[in-house]
C-alpha cells in the first residue's frame, strides 16, 4: 500500500496539483489584501468615509452602543449580522472567480497556439540525414 501511495505521489499530475494549491493560496492572500487595502477604502470614500468591515445589524439579544465595533459587539454577546464583512468577502470572491475564469478560458487558446507554433517550427527545419560515425 505504501508503494502504491509513493507511485501516486510521484505522478506529475499530483505534483502539479500541489503547486497549484500553493500558488492559489498565495493568490488568494493577494486578492484579499487588494480588496481590504485598495478597493474597500475607495468604496468607503465614495459612500462617505464608511468602513464596511465594521458594518453590522444587531438581530437580537440587546442593543449596540453608538460607535461599537463589530468585534466589541460580538464580545458583548450580541447576535449580529455582519453585512459589511460579507460585502468584502463577496468582492474577494468576484475577483478570484473572474481571474480564475479568465485563466481557464485562456488555457485552451494558449496550448493550441503553442502546439501550432511547434508544428510550424518542425515544418521549417531541414531534414537531418543520419551520418555514419565511421
Protein backbone atom coordinates (compact mmCIF):
# COMPACT_ATOMS: atom_id res chain seq x y z
CA UNK A 1 0.00 0.00 0.00
CA UNK A 2 2.86 2.39 0.79
CA UNK A 3 4.46 1.56 -2.56
CA UNK A 4 1.22 2.43 -4.38
CA UNK A 5 0.98 5.69 -2.48
CA UNK A 6 4.56 6.63 -3.43
CA UNK A 7 3.79 5.89 -7.10
CA UNK A 8 0.65 8.01 -6.89
CA UNK A 9 2.53 10.94 -5.34
CA UNK A 10 5.33 10.67 -7.89
CA UNK A 11 2.92 11.19 -10.79
CA UNK A 12 3.18 14.56 -12.48
CA UNK A 13 -0.49 15.45 -12.00
CA UNK A 14 -0.29 15.25 -8.21
CA UNK A 15 2.78 17.47 -8.12
CA UNK A 16 1.10 19.94 -10.48
CA UNK A 17 -1.93 20.00 -8.20
CA UNK A 18 0.24 20.64 -5.14
CA UNK A 19 1.95 23.56 -6.87
CA UNK A 20 -1.43 24.91 -8.00
CA UNK A 21 -2.80 24.78 -4.45
CA UNK A 22 0.22 26.65 -3.07
CA UNK A 23 0.04 29.31 -5.79
CA UNK A 24 -3.74 29.56 -5.35
CA UNK A 25 -3.34 30.16 -1.62
CA UNK A 26 -0.81 32.91 -2.22
CA UNK A 27 -3.03 34.45 -4.90
CA UNK A 28 -6.00 34.43 -2.50
CA UNK A 29 -3.93 36.41 0.02
CA UNK A 30 -3.02 38.95 -2.65
CA UNK A 31 -6.68 39.33 -3.66
CA UNK A 32 -7.74 39.70 -0.01
CA UNK A 33 -5.15 42.41 0.52
CA UNK A 34 -6.20 44.15 -2.69
CA UNK A 35 -9.84 44.09 -1.59
CA UNK A 36 -9.23 45.15 2.03
CA UNK A 37 -6.47 47.70 1.37
CA UNK A 38 -7.31 49.14 -2.06
CA UNK A 39 -10.88 48.54 -3.19
CA UNK A 40 -12.91 48.80 0.04
CA UNK A 41 -11.31 52.10 1.15
CA UNK A 42 -12.24 53.61 -2.23
CA UNK A 43 -15.78 52.22 -1.98
CA UNK A 44 -15.98 53.57 1.58
CA UNK A 45 -14.77 57.01 0.45
CA UNK A 46 -17.39 57.09 -2.32
CA UNK A 47 -20.11 56.38 0.25
CA UNK A 48 -18.81 58.99 2.72
CA UNK A 49 -15.83 57.57 4.63
CA UNK A 50 -17.59 54.35 5.57
CA UNK A 51 -15.60 51.36 6.83
CA UNK A 52 -17.58 48.38 5.57
CA UNK A 53 -15.71 45.84 7.69
CA UNK A 54 -17.40 47.20 10.84
CA UNK A 55 -20.94 47.43 9.46
CA UNK A 56 -23.43 45.16 11.18
CA UNK A 57 -27.03 44.89 12.31
CA UNK A 58 -27.98 43.59 15.75
CA UNK A 59 -30.54 40.83 15.32
CA UNK A 60 -31.40 40.26 18.94
CA UNK A 61 -30.03 39.89 22.42
CA UNK A 62 -29.59 43.54 23.28
CA UNK A 63 -28.70 46.92 21.88
CA UNK A 64 -25.39 48.02 20.42
CA UNK A 65 -23.91 51.20 21.85
CA UNK A 66 -23.21 54.04 19.46
CA UNK A 67 -19.82 53.62 17.82
CA UNK A 68 -19.48 49.98 18.88
CA UNK A 69 -17.24 47.94 16.59
CA UNK A 70 -18.17 44.52 15.23
CA UNK A 71 -15.62 42.80 17.48
CA UNK A 72 -16.91 44.62 20.55
CA UNK A 73 -20.49 43.67 19.69
CA UNK A 74 -19.53 40.02 19.30
CA UNK A 75 -17.58 40.09 22.58
CA UNK A 76 -20.62 41.61 24.30
CA UNK A 77 -22.59 38.55 23.21
CA UNK A 78 -24.82 40.35 20.72
CA UNK A 79 -26.30 38.39 17.84
CA UNK A 80 -25.07 40.36 14.84
CA UNK A 81 -25.46 40.17 11.08
CA UNK A 82 -22.08 41.32 9.75
CA UNK A 83 -23.19 42.53 6.33
CA UNK A 84 -20.11 44.74 5.80
CA UNK A 85 -17.76 41.78 6.15
CA UNK A 86 -19.97 39.86 3.73
CA UNK A 87 -19.61 42.65 1.14
CA UNK A 88 -15.80 42.43 1.42
CA UNK A 89 -15.82 38.64 1.09
CA UNK A 90 -18.22 38.82 -1.88
CA UNK A 91 -15.89 41.24 -3.66
CA UNK A 92 -12.97 38.87 -2.92
CA UNK A 93 -14.96 36.03 -4.47
CA UNK A 94 -15.85 38.02 -7.60
CA UNK A 95 -12.20 38.96 -8.15
CA UNK A 96 -10.98 35.38 -7.62
CA UNK A 97 -13.74 33.89 -9.78
CA UNK A 98 -13.20 36.33 -12.65
CA UNK A 99 -9.43 35.89 -12.65
CA UNK A 100 -9.75 32.10 -12.45
CA UNK A 101 -12.29 32.15 -15.25
CA UNK A 102 -10.06 34.27 -17.47
CA UNK A 103 -7.11 31.93 -16.84
CA UNK A 104 -9.30 28.90 -17.53
CA UNK A 105 -10.57 30.38 -20.80
CA UNK A 106 -7.07 31.39 -21.92
CA UNK A 107 -5.52 27.95 -21.38
CA UNK A 108 -7.01 26.11 -24.41
CA UNK A 109 -6.13 29.00 -26.73
CA UNK A 110 -2.64 29.20 -25.32
CA UNK A 111 -1.95 25.49 -25.61
CA UNK A 112 -3.49 25.35 -29.10
CA UNK A 113 -1.39 28.28 -30.33
CA UNK A 114 1.78 26.83 -28.81
CA UNK A 115 1.15 23.47 -30.48
CA UNK A 116 0.59 25.27 -33.81
CA UNK A 117 3.88 27.12 -33.36
CA UNK A 118 5.65 23.85 -32.58
CA UNK A 119 4.27 22.27 -35.76
CA UNK A 120 5.39 25.27 -37.86
CA UNK A 121 8.91 25.04 -36.42
CA UNK A 122 9.06 21.34 -37.25
CA UNK A 123 7.96 22.03 -40.84
CA UNK A 124 10.62 24.74 -41.29
CA UNK A 125 13.52 22.60 -40.10
CA UNK A 126 15.52 20.96 -42.84
CA UNK A 127 15.58 17.23 -42.87
CA UNK A 128 18.55 15.87 -40.94
CA UNK A 129 20.33 12.97 -42.55
CA UNK A 130 21.86 10.31 -40.40
CA UNK A 131 25.63 10.30 -40.82
CA UNK A 132 27.89 7.41 -40.27
CA UNK A 133 30.40 7.90 -37.49
CA UNK A 134 32.91 5.54 -39.05
